[in-house]
Amino acid sequence: MRIRANWRIRQGFADSLGGKGKPMILSEFGGDGFYGFRSPNREKGSEERQADIIDSNLRAYMERDYISGMFIWQFSDCRVTEGLGWLLARSCTRNSKGIVDEFRRPKLAYETVQRYFRKR
């Protein structure tokens, strides 16, 4: 029930800013998943946990008729700048939030996305 109330608040906020009746697109959702790192405990950084995160996002978004579309944060893993601070300090200087790795090998999250969009 609380989750539904939070969505109503978000929709009301968008409506109050002139968005009423306009398409709503959600973007930049996802999670880390290192290719080949599997964990029955669904540890942070595992392909299972990444797939769970994307699954819960897609399920929530697709249940709402006022959401017209969505963009997963990143299709493919990639190299990033080696930097300081939480934003730039990434393991192995990689952003591992893609649903495929840098060689375009699909992760479990890729299959999760396929399940949702093959139905449509």
Foldseek 3Di string as FASTA:
>chain_A
DVVVVVVVVVVVVCVVVVCVPHAAEEEAFFFAADPPADDPVLDHRHLVVRLVRLLVVVVVQVVDPRHDYYYYNAAEKDAADQDDDPVQPDVVNIRRGHCAYPVRHGGVNVVSVCVVPVVD
